mmCIF file of all heavy atoms, coordinates in Angstrom:
data_MODEL
# 
_entry.id   MODEL 
# 
loop_
_atom_site.group_PDB 
_atom_site.id 
_atom_site.type_symbol 
_atom_site.label_atom_id 
_atom_site.label_alt_id 
_atom_site.label_comp_id 
_atom_site.label_asym_id 
_atom_site.label_entity_id 
_atom_site.label_seq_id 
_atom_site.pdbx_PDB_ins_code 
_atom_site.Cartn_x 
_atom_site.Cartn_y 
_atom_site.Cartn_z 
_atom_site.occupancy 
_atom_site.B_iso_or_equiv 
_atom_site.pdbx_formal_charge 
_atom_site.auth_seq_id 
_atom_site.auth_comp_id 
_atom_site.auth_asym_id 
_atom_site.auth_atom_id 
_atom_site.pdbx_PDB_model_num 
ATOM 1   N N   . ALA A 1 1  ? 80.038 82.440  116.046 1.00 0.00 ? 1  ALA A N   1 
ATOM 2   C CA  . ALA A 1 1  ? 81.232 82.115  115.329 1.00 0.00 ? 1  ALA A CA  1 
ATOM 3   C C   . ALA A 1 1  ? 81.009 82.491  113.741 1.00 0.00 ? 1  ALA A C   1 
ATOM 4   O O   . ALA A 1 1  ? 81.861 83.109  113.156 1.00 0.00 ? 1  ALA A O   1 
ATOM 5   C CB  . ALA A 1 1  ? 81.533 80.558  115.306 1.00 0.00 ? 1  ALA A CB  1 
ATOM 6   N N   . LEU A 1 2  ? 79.878 82.211  113.268 1.00 0.00 ? 2  LEU A N   1 
ATOM 7   C CA  . LEU A 1 2  ? 79.554 82.611  111.946 1.00 0.00 ? 2  LEU A CA  1 
ATOM 8   C C   . LEU A 1 2  ? 79.517 84.140  111.747 1.00 0.00 ? 2  LEU A C   1 
ATOM 9   O O   . LEU A 1 2  ? 80.059 84.693  110.846 1.00 0.00 ? 2  LEU A O   1 
ATOM 10  C CB  . LEU A 1 2  ? 78.238 82.000  111.533 1.00 0.00 ? 2  LEU A CB  1 
ATOM 11  C CG  . LEU A 1 2  ? 77.695 82.335  110.115 1.00 0.00 ? 2  LEU A CG  1 
ATOM 12  C CD1 . LEU A 1 2  ? 78.551 81.741  109.028 1.00 0.00 ? 2  LEU A CD1 1 
ATOM 13  C CD2 . LEU A 1 2  ? 76.283 81.875  109.863 1.00 0.00 ? 2  LEU A CD2 1 
ATOM 14  N N   . SER A 1 3  ? 78.943 84.782  112.798 1.00 0.00 ? 3  SER A N   1 
ATOM 15  C CA  . SER A 1 3  ? 78.870 86.307  112.762 1.00 0.00 ? 3  SER A CA  1 
ATOM 16  C C   . SER A 1 3  ? 80.208 86.838  112.735 1.00 0.00 ? 3  SER A C   1 
ATOM 17  O O   . SER A 1 3  ? 80.523 87.944  112.098 1.00 0.00 ? 3  SER A O   1 
ATOM 18  C CB  . SER A 1 3  ? 77.995 86.778  113.963 1.00 0.00 ? 3  SER A CB  1 
ATOM 19  O OG  . SER A 1 3  ? 78.075 88.157  113.976 1.00 0.00 ? 3  SER A OG  1 
ATOM 20  N N   . ALA A 1 4  ? 81.171 86.340  113.619 1.00 0.00 ? 4  ALA A N   1 
ATOM 21  C CA  . ALA A 1 4  ? 82.510 86.894  113.647 1.00 0.00 ? 4  ALA A CA  1 
ATOM 22  C C   . ALA A 1 4  ? 83.258 86.836  112.288 1.00 0.00 ? 4  ALA A C   1 
ATOM 23  O O   . ALA A 1 4  ? 83.979 87.776  112.009 1.00 0.00 ? 4  ALA A O   1 
ATOM 24  C CB  . ALA A 1 4  ? 83.299 85.915  114.750 1.00 0.00 ? 4  ALA A CB  1 
ATOM 25  N N   . ALA A 1 5  ? 83.054 85.691  111.699 1.00 0.00 ? 5  ALA A N   1 
ATOM 26  C CA  . ALA A 1 5  ? 83.625 85.659  110.329 1.00 0.00 ? 5  ALA A CA  1 
ATOM 27  C C   . ALA A 1 5  ? 83.098 86.662  109.372 1.00 0.00 ? 5  ALA A C   1 
ATOM 28  O O   . ALA A 1 5  ? 83.838 87.311  108.664 1.00 0.00 ? 5  ALA A O   1 
ATOM 29  C CB  . ALA A 1 5  ? 83.512 84.173  109.736 1.00 0.00 ? 5  ALA A CB  1 
ATOM 30  N N   . HIS A 1 6  ? 81.803 86.835  109.473 1.00 0.00 ? 6  HIS A N   1 
ATOM 31  C CA  . HIS A 1 6  ? 81.205 87.787  108.534 1.00 0.00 ? 6  HIS A CA  1 
ATOM 32  C C   . HIS A 1 6  ? 81.524 89.294  108.992 1.00 0.00 ? 6  HIS A C   1 
ATOM 33  O O   . HIS A 1 6  ? 81.708 90.064  108.025 1.00 0.00 ? 6  HIS A O   1 
ATOM 34  C CB  . HIS A 1 6  ? 79.636 87.672  108.716 1.00 0.00 ? 6  HIS A CB  1 
ATOM 35  C CG  . HIS A 1 6  ? 78.970 86.731  107.825 1.00 0.00 ? 6  HIS A CG  1 
ATOM 36  N ND1 . HIS A 1 6  ? 78.089 86.881  106.845 1.00 0.00 ? 6  HIS A ND1 1 
ATOM 37  C CD2 . HIS A 1 6  ? 79.177 85.279  107.831 1.00 0.00 ? 6  HIS A CD2 1 
ATOM 38  C CE1 . HIS A 1 6  ? 77.830 85.810  106.165 1.00 0.00 ? 6  HIS A CE1 1 
ATOM 39  N NE2 . HIS A 1 6  ? 78.391 84.755  106.812 1.00 0.00 ? 6  HIS A NE2 1 
ATOM 40  N N   . ASN A 1 7  ? 81.779 89.579  110.128 1.00 0.00 ? 7  ASN A N   1 
ATOM 41  C CA  . ASN A 1 7  ? 82.162 90.839  110.601 1.00 0.00 ? 7  ASN A CA  1 
ATOM 42  C C   . ASN A 1 7  ? 83.583 91.136  109.989 1.00 0.00 ? 7  ASN A C   1 
ATOM 43  O O   . ASN A 1 7  ? 83.815 92.273  109.535 1.00 0.00 ? 7  ASN A O   1 
ATOM 44  C CB  . ASN A 1 7  ? 82.176 91.034  112.145 1.00 0.00 ? 7  ASN A CB  1 
ATOM 45  C CG  . ASN A 1 7  ? 80.923 90.962  112.702 1.00 0.00 ? 7  ASN A CG  1 
ATOM 46  O OD1 . ASN A 1 7  ? 79.959 91.490  112.035 1.00 0.00 ? 7  ASN A OD1 1 
ATOM 47  N ND2 . ASN A 1 7  ? 80.770 90.714  114.066 1.00 0.00 ? 7  ASN A ND2 1 
ATOM 48  N N   . LEU A 1 8  ? 84.560 90.184  110.085 1.00 0.00 ? 8  LEU A N   1 
ATOM 49  C CA  . LEU A 1 8  ? 85.798 90.399  109.432 1.00 0.00 ? 8  LEU A CA  1 
ATOM 50  C C   . LEU A 1 8  ? 85.701 90.630  107.967 1.00 0.00 ? 8  LEU A C   1 
ATOM 51  O O   . LEU A 1 8  ? 86.427 91.527  107.471 1.00 0.00 ? 8  LEU A O   1 
ATOM 52  C CB  . LEU A 1 8  ? 86.726 89.283  109.780 1.00 0.00 ? 8  LEU A CB  1 
ATOM 53  C CG  . LEU A 1 8  ? 87.164 88.886  111.254 1.00 0.00 ? 8  LEU A CG  1 
ATOM 54  C CD1 . LEU A 1 8  ? 87.881 87.633  111.322 1.00 0.00 ? 8  LEU A CD1 1 
ATOM 55  C CD2 . LEU A 1 8  ? 87.903 90.145  111.734 1.00 0.00 ? 8  LEU A CD2 1 
ATOM 56  N N   . LEU A 1 9  ? 84.977 89.948  107.387 1.00 0.00 ? 9  LEU A N   1 
ATOM 57  C CA  . LEU A 1 9  ? 84.820 90.039  105.871 1.00 0.00 ? 9  LEU A CA  1 
ATOM 58  C C   . LEU A 1 9  ? 84.155 91.384  105.509 1.00 0.00 ? 9  LEU A C   1 
ATOM 59  O O   . LEU A 1 9  ? 84.498 91.994  104.495 1.00 0.00 ? 9  LEU A O   1 
ATOM 60  C CB  . LEU A 1 9  ? 83.903 88.953  105.314 1.00 0.00 ? 9  LEU A CB  1 
ATOM 61  C CG  . LEU A 1 9  ? 84.658 87.580  105.249 1.00 0.00 ? 9  LEU A CG  1 
ATOM 62  C CD1 . LEU A 1 9  ? 83.712 86.446  104.923 1.00 0.00 ? 9  LEU A CD1 1 
ATOM 63  C CD2 . LEU A 1 9  ? 85.798 87.562  104.142 1.00 0.00 ? 9  LEU A CD2 1 
ATOM 64  N N   . THR A 1 10 ? 83.165 91.837  106.304 1.00 0.00 ? 10 THR A N   1 
ATOM 65  C CA  . THR A 1 10 ? 82.540 93.195  106.109 1.00 0.00 ? 10 THR A CA  1 
ATOM 66  C C   . THR A 1 10 ? 83.509 94.261  106.177 1.00 0.00 ? 10 THR A C   1 
ATOM 67  O O   . THR A 1 10 ? 83.537 95.271  105.404 1.00 0.00 ? 10 THR A O   1 
ATOM 68  C CB  . THR A 1 10 ? 81.338 93.377  107.062 1.00 0.00 ? 10 THR A CB  1 
ATOM 69  O OG1 . THR A 1 10 ? 80.473 92.179  106.923 1.00 0.00 ? 10 THR A OG1 1 
ATOM 70  C CG2 . THR A 1 10 ? 80.683 94.704  106.845 1.00 0.00 ? 10 THR A CG2 1 
ATOM 71  N N   . ARG A 1 11 ? 84.430 94.212  107.071 1.00 0.00 ? 11 ARG A N   1 
ATOM 72  C CA  . ARG A 1 11 ? 85.463 95.212  107.297 1.00 0.00 ? 11 ARG A CA  1 
ATOM 73  C C   . ARG A 1 11 ? 86.262 95.292  106.058 1.00 0.00 ? 11 ARG A C   1 
ATOM 74  O O   . ARG A 1 11 ? 86.803 96.421  105.684 1.00 0.00 ? 11 ARG A O   1 
ATOM 75  C CB  . ARG A 1 11 ? 86.309 94.993  108.390 1.00 0.00 ? 11 ARG A CB  1 
ATOM 76  C CG  . ARG A 1 11 ? 85.723 95.193  109.729 1.00 0.00 ? 11 ARG A CG  1 
ATOM 77  C CD  . ARG A 1 11 ? 86.631 95.166  110.929 1.00 0.00 ? 11 ARG A CD  1 
ATOM 78  N NE  . ARG A 1 11 ? 86.119 94.792  112.320 1.00 0.00 ? 11 ARG A NE  1 
ATOM 79  C CZ  . ARG A 1 11 ? 86.452 93.729  112.787 1.00 0.00 ? 11 ARG A CZ  1 
ATOM 80  N NH1 . ARG A 1 11 ? 87.517 92.980  112.500 1.00 0.00 ? 11 ARG A NH1 1 
ATOM 81  N NH2 . ARG A 1 11 ? 85.946 93.445  114.065 1.00 0.00 ? 11 ARG A NH2 1 
ATOM 82  N N   . ARG A 1 12 ? 86.503 94.291  105.391 1.00 0.00 ? 12 ARG A N   1 
ATOM 83  C CA  . ARG A 1 12 ? 87.303 94.257  104.189 1.00 0.00 ? 12 ARG A CA  1 
ATOM 84  C C   . ARG A 1 12 ? 86.447 94.252  102.891 1.00 0.00 ? 12 ARG A C   1 
ATOM 85  O O   . ARG A 1 12 ? 86.880 93.997  101.732 1.00 0.00 ? 12 ARG A O   1 
ATOM 86  C CB  . ARG A 1 12 ? 88.190 93.060  104.074 1.00 0.00 ? 12 ARG A CB  1 
ATOM 87  C CG  . ARG A 1 12 ? 89.273 93.056  105.080 1.00 0.00 ? 12 ARG A CG  1 
ATOM 88  C CD  . ARG A 1 12 ? 90.333 92.045  104.732 1.00 0.00 ? 12 ARG A CD  1 
ATOM 89  N NE  . ARG A 1 12 ? 91.479 92.136  105.617 1.00 0.00 ? 12 ARG A NE  1 
ATOM 90  C CZ  . ARG A 1 12 ? 92.656 91.420  105.445 1.00 0.00 ? 12 ARG A CZ  1 
ATOM 91  N NH1 . ARG A 1 12 ? 92.778 90.808  104.181 1.00 0.00 ? 12 ARG A NH1 1 
ATOM 92  N NH2 . ARG A 1 12 ? 93.614 91.441  106.326 1.00 0.00 ? 12 ARG A NH2 1 
ATOM 93  N N   . ARG A 1 13 ? 85.047 94.703  103.131 1.00 0.00 ? 13 ARG A N   1 
ATOM 94  C CA  . ARG A 1 13 ? 84.131 94.746  101.998 1.00 0.00 ? 13 ARG A CA  1 
ATOM 95  C C   . ARG A 1 13 ? 84.148 93.466  101.218 1.00 0.00 ? 13 ARG A C   1 
ATOM 96  O O   . ARG A 1 13 ? 83.933 93.395  100.041 1.00 0.00 ? 13 ARG A O   1 
ATOM 97  C CB  . ARG A 1 13 ? 84.583 95.900  101.058 1.00 0.00 ? 13 ARG A CB  1 
ATOM 98  C CG  . ARG A 1 13 ? 84.503 97.289  101.703 1.00 0.00 ? 13 ARG A CG  1 
ATOM 99  C CD  . ARG A 1 13 ? 84.854 98.314  100.749 1.00 0.00 ? 13 ARG A CD  1 
ATOM 100 N NE  . ARG A 1 13 ? 84.833 99.668  101.297 1.00 0.00 ? 13 ARG A NE  1 
ATOM 101 C CZ  . ARG A 1 13 ? 84.983 100.736 100.738 1.00 0.00 ? 13 ARG A CZ  1 
ATOM 102 N NH1 . ARG A 1 13 ? 85.313 100.819 99.442  1.00 0.00 ? 13 ARG A NH1 1 
ATOM 103 N NH2 . ARG A 1 13 ? 84.952 101.912 101.406 1.00 0.00 ? 13 ARG A NH2 1 
ATOM 104 N N   . TRP A 1 14 ? 84.195 92.346  101.978 1.00 0.00 ? 14 TRP A N   1 
ATOM 105 C CA  . TRP A 1 14 ? 84.132 91.008  101.376 1.00 0.00 ? 14 TRP A CA  1 
ATOM 106 C C   . TRP A 1 14 ? 85.093 90.721  100.210 1.00 0.00 ? 14 TRP A C   1 
ATOM 107 O O   . TRP A 1 14 ? 84.907 89.972  99.319  1.00 0.00 ? 14 TRP A O   1 
ATOM 108 C CB  . TRP A 1 14 ? 82.681 90.700  100.837 1.00 0.00 ? 14 TRP A CB  1 
ATOM 109 C CG  . TRP A 1 14 ? 81.730 90.481  102.026 1.00 0.00 ? 14 TRP A CG  1 
ATOM 110 C CD1 . TRP A 1 14 ? 81.131 91.394  102.814 1.00 0.00 ? 14 TRP A CD1 1 
ATOM 111 C CD2 . TRP A 1 14 ? 81.334 89.101  102.552 1.00 0.00 ? 14 TRP A CD2 1 
ATOM 112 N NE1 . TRP A 1 14 ? 80.420 90.841  103.660 1.00 0.00 ? 14 TRP A NE1 1 
ATOM 113 C CE2 . TRP A 1 14 ? 80.424 89.414  103.581 1.00 0.00 ? 14 TRP A CE2 1 
ATOM 114 C CE3 . TRP A 1 14 ? 81.557 87.908  102.059 1.00 0.00 ? 14 TRP A CE3 1 
ATOM 115 C CZ2 . TRP A 1 14 ? 79.836 88.496  104.275 1.00 0.00 ? 14 TRP A CZ2 1 
ATOM 116 C CZ3 . TRP A 1 14 ? 80.955 86.838  102.883 1.00 0.00 ? 14 TRP A CZ3 1 
ATOM 117 C CH2 . TRP A 1 14 ? 80.161 87.077  103.919 1.00 0.00 ? 14 TRP A CH2 1 
ATOM 118 N N   . THR A 1 15 ? 86.217 91.273  100.298 1.00 0.00 ? 15 THR A N   1 
ATOM 119 C CA  . THR A 1 15 ? 87.334 91.026  99.376  1.00 0.00 ? 15 THR A CA  1 
ATOM 120 C C   . THR A 1 15 ? 88.184 89.875  99.862  1.00 0.00 ? 15 THR A C   1 
ATOM 121 O O   . THR A 1 15 ? 89.023 89.335  99.019  1.00 0.00 ? 15 THR A O   1 
ATOM 122 C CB  . THR A 1 15 ? 88.244 92.302  99.123  1.00 0.00 ? 15 THR A CB  1 
ATOM 123 O OG1 . THR A 1 15 ? 88.858 92.649  100.445 1.00 0.00 ? 15 THR A OG1 1 
ATOM 124 C CG2 . THR A 1 15 ? 87.500 93.404  98.569  1.00 0.00 ? 15 THR A CG2 1 
ATOM 125 N N   . GLY A 1 16 ? 88.167 89.521  101.052 1.00 0.00 ? 16 GLY A N   1 
ATOM 126 C CA  . GLY A 1 16 ? 88.936 88.478  101.665 1.00 0.00 ? 16 GLY A CA  1 
ATOM 127 C C   . GLY A 1 16 ? 89.093 88.664  103.209 1.00 0.00 ? 16 GLY A C   1 
ATOM 128 O O   . GLY A 1 16 ? 88.699 89.643  103.733 1.00 0.00 ? 16 GLY A O   1 
ATOM 129 N N   . VAL A 1 17 ? 89.694 87.777  103.869 1.00 0.00 ? 17 VAL A N   1 
ATOM 130 C CA  . VAL A 1 17 ? 90.038 87.879  105.286 1.00 0.00 ? 17 VAL A CA  1 
ATOM 131 C C   . VAL A 1 17 ? 91.393 87.191  105.547 1.00 0.00 ? 17 VAL A C   1 
ATOM 132 O O   . VAL A 1 17 ? 91.762 86.264  104.964 1.00 0.00 ? 17 VAL A O   1 
ATOM 133 C CB  . VAL A 1 17 ? 88.806 87.226  106.013 1.00 0.00 ? 17 VAL A CB  1 
ATOM 134 C CG1 . VAL A 1 17 ? 88.823 85.651  105.690 1.00 0.00 ? 17 VAL A CG1 1 
ATOM 135 C CG2 . VAL A 1 17 ? 89.022 87.337  107.606 1.00 0.00 ? 17 VAL A CG2 1 
ATOM 136 N N   . GLY A 1 18 ? 92.200 87.941  106.414 1.00 0.00 ? 18 GLY A N   1 
ATOM 137 C CA  . GLY A 1 18 ? 93.379 87.342  106.902 1.00 0.00 ? 18 GLY A CA  1 
ATOM 138 C C   . GLY A 1 18 ? 93.261 86.195  107.777 1.00 0.00 ? 18 GLY A C   1 
ATOM 139 O O   . GLY A 1 18 ? 92.475 86.090  108.722 1.00 0.00 ? 18 GLY A O   1 
ATOM 140 N N   . LEU A 1 19 ? 94.110 85.158  107.494 1.00 0.00 ? 19 LEU A N   1 
ATOM 141 C CA  . LEU A 1 19 ? 93.990 83.865  108.351 1.00 0.00 ? 19 LEU A CA  1 
ATOM 142 C C   . LEU A 1 19 ? 94.269 84.169  109.742 1.00 0.00 ? 19 LEU A C   1 
ATOM 143 O O   . LEU A 1 19 ? 93.677 83.504  110.632 1.00 0.00 ? 19 LEU A O   1 
ATOM 144 C CB  . LEU A 1 19 ? 94.982 82.831  107.753 1.00 0.00 ? 19 LEU A CB  1 
ATOM 145 C CG  . LEU A 1 19 ? 95.064 81.548  108.497 1.00 0.00 ? 19 LEU A CG  1 
ATOM 146 C CD1 . LEU A 1 19 ? 93.625 80.758  108.615 1.00 0.00 ? 19 LEU A CD1 1 
ATOM 147 C CD2 . LEU A 1 19 ? 95.941 80.520  107.801 1.00 0.00 ? 19 LEU A CD2 1 
ATOM 148 N N   . GLY A 1 20 ? 95.274 85.049  110.010 1.00 0.00 ? 20 GLY A N   1 
ATOM 149 C CA  . GLY A 1 20 ? 95.717 85.310  111.358 1.00 0.00 ? 20 GLY A CA  1 
ATOM 150 C C   . GLY A 1 20 ? 94.464 85.878  112.155 1.00 0.00 ? 20 GLY A C   1 
ATOM 151 O O   . GLY A 1 20 ? 94.279 85.451  113.308 1.00 0.00 ? 20 GLY A O   1 
ATOM 152 N N   . GLU A 1 21 ? 93.919 86.986  111.637 1.00 0.00 ? 21 GLU A N   1 
ATOM 153 C CA  . GLU A 1 21 ? 92.753 87.677  112.306 1.00 0.00 ? 21 GLU A CA  1 
ATOM 154 C C   . GLU A 1 21 ? 91.604 86.722  112.534 1.00 0.00 ? 21 GLU A C   1 
ATOM 155 O O   . GLU A 1 21 ? 90.901 86.972  113.404 1.00 0.00 ? 21 GLU A O   1 
ATOM 156 C CB  . GLU A 1 21 ? 92.471 88.985  111.618 1.00 0.00 ? 21 GLU A CB  1 
ATOM 157 C CG  . GLU A 1 21 ? 92.038 88.815  110.200 1.00 0.00 ? 21 GLU A CG  1 
ATOM 158 C CD  . GLU A 1 21 ? 91.803 90.146  109.645 1.00 0.00 ? 21 GLU A CD  1 
ATOM 159 O OE1 . GLU A 1 21 ? 91.607 91.169  110.289 1.00 0.00 ? 21 GLU A OE1 1 
ATOM 160 O OE2 . GLU A 1 21 ? 91.490 90.209  108.357 1.00 0.00 ? 21 GLU A OE2 1 
ATOM 161 N N   . LEU A 1 22 ? 91.334 85.774  111.481 1.00 0.00 ? 22 LEU A N   1 
ATOM 162 C CA  . LEU A 1 22 ? 90.328 84.860  111.593 1.00 0.00 ? 22 LEU A CA  1 
ATOM 163 C C   . LEU A 1 22 ? 90.508 83.928  112.692 1.00 0.00 ? 22 LEU A C   1 
ATOM 164 O O   . LEU A 1 22 ? 89.576 83.624  113.548 1.00 0.00 ? 22 LEU A O   1 
ATOM 165 C CB  . LEU A 1 22 ? 90.161 84.127  110.281 1.00 0.00 ? 22 LEU A CB  1 
ATOM 166 C CG  . LEU A 1 22 ? 89.140 83.155  110.172 1.00 0.00 ? 22 LEU A CG  1 
ATOM 167 C CD1 . LEU A 1 22 ? 87.607 83.705  110.237 1.00 0.00 ? 22 LEU A CD1 1 
ATOM 168 C CD2 . LEU A 1 22 ? 89.189 82.200  108.891 1.00 0.00 ? 22 LEU A CD2 1 
ATOM 169 N N   . LEU A 1 23 ? 91.727 83.375  112.923 1.00 0.00 ? 23 LEU A N   1 
ATOM 170 C CA  . LEU A 1 23 ? 92.003 82.478  114.102 1.00 0.00 ? 23 LEU A CA  1 
ATOM 171 C C   . LEU A 1 23 ? 91.827 83.167  115.372 1.00 0.00 ? 23 LEU A C   1 
ATOM 172 O O   . LEU A 1 23 ? 91.348 82.593  116.350 1.00 0.00 ? 23 LEU A O   1 
ATOM 173 C CB  . LEU A 1 23 ? 93.422 81.988  113.786 1.00 0.00 ? 23 LEU A CB  1 
ATOM 174 C CG  . LEU A 1 23 ? 93.598 80.978  112.610 1.00 0.00 ? 23 LEU A CG  1 
ATOM 175 C CD1 . LEU A 1 23 ? 95.086 80.569  112.515 1.00 0.00 ? 23 LEU A CD1 1 
ATOM 176 C CD2 . LEU A 1 23 ? 92.701 79.824  112.701 1.00 0.00 ? 23 LEU A CD2 1 
ATOM 177 N N   . ASP A 1 24 ? 92.434 84.386  115.407 1.00 0.00 ? 24 ASP A N   1 
ATOM 178 C CA  . ASP A 1 24 ? 92.272 85.176  116.728 1.00 0.00 ? 24 ASP A CA  1 
ATOM 179 C C   . ASP A 1 24 ? 90.792 85.349  116.961 1.00 0.00 ? 24 ASP A C   1 
ATOM 180 O O   . ASP A 1 24 ? 90.517 85.163  118.289 1.00 0.00 ? 24 ASP A O   1 
ATOM 181 C CB  . ASP A 1 24 ? 92.961 86.511  116.531 1.00 0.00 ? 24 ASP A CB  1 
ATOM 182 C CG  . ASP A 1 24 ? 94.462 86.473  116.379 1.00 0.00 ? 24 ASP A CG  1 
ATOM 183 O OD1 . ASP A 1 24 ? 94.924 85.435  116.875 1.00 0.00 ? 24 ASP A OD1 1 
ATOM 184 O OD2 . ASP A 1 24 ? 95.100 87.369  115.956 1.00 0.00 ? 24 ASP A OD2 1 
ATOM 185 N N   . SER A 1 25 ? 89.976 85.774  116.091 1.00 0.00 ? 25 SER A N   1 
ATOM 186 C CA  . SER A 1 25 ? 88.521 85.988  116.445 1.00 0.00 ? 25 SER A CA  1 
ATOM 187 C C   . SER A 1 25 ? 87.838 84.615  116.943 1.00 0.00 ? 25 SER A C   1 
ATOM 188 O O   . SER A 1 25 ? 86.899 84.782  117.813 1.00 0.00 ? 25 SER A O   1 
ATOM 189 C CB  . SER A 1 25 ? 87.831 86.436  115.140 1.00 0.00 ? 25 SER A CB  1 
ATOM 190 O OG  . SER A 1 25 ? 87.657 85.578  114.161 1.00 0.00 ? 25 SER A OG  1 
ATOM 191 N N   . GLN A 1 26 ? 88.185 83.484  116.372 1.00 0.00 ? 26 GLN A N   1 
ATOM 192 C CA  . GLN A 1 26 ? 87.499 82.264  116.756 1.00 0.00 ? 26 GLN A CA  1 
ATOM 193 C C   . GLN A 1 26 ? 88.094 81.630  117.982 1.00 0.00 ? 26 GLN A C   1 
ATOM 194 O O   . GLN A 1 26 ? 87.526 80.887  118.709 1.00 0.00 ? 26 GLN A O   1 
ATOM 195 C CB  . GLN A 1 26 ? 87.628 81.212  115.581 1.00 0.00 ? 26 GLN A CB  1 
ATOM 196 C CG  . GLN A 1 26 ? 86.919 81.713  114.290 1.00 0.00 ? 26 GLN A CG  1 
ATOM 197 C CD  . GLN A 1 26 ? 85.465 81.954  114.454 1.00 0.00 ? 26 GLN A CD  1 
ATOM 198 O OE1 . GLN A 1 26 ? 84.836 81.430  115.379 1.00 0.00 ? 26 GLN A OE1 1 
ATOM 199 N NE2 . GLN A 1 26 ? 84.856 82.682  113.651 1.00 0.00 ? 26 GLN A NE2 1 
# 
């Protein structure tokens, strides 16, 4: 779960993460 959140942030170069895609991944 921690890795999934990190992967989303890495795609956006750690500028932020969309709430919708974060919920979908978890």
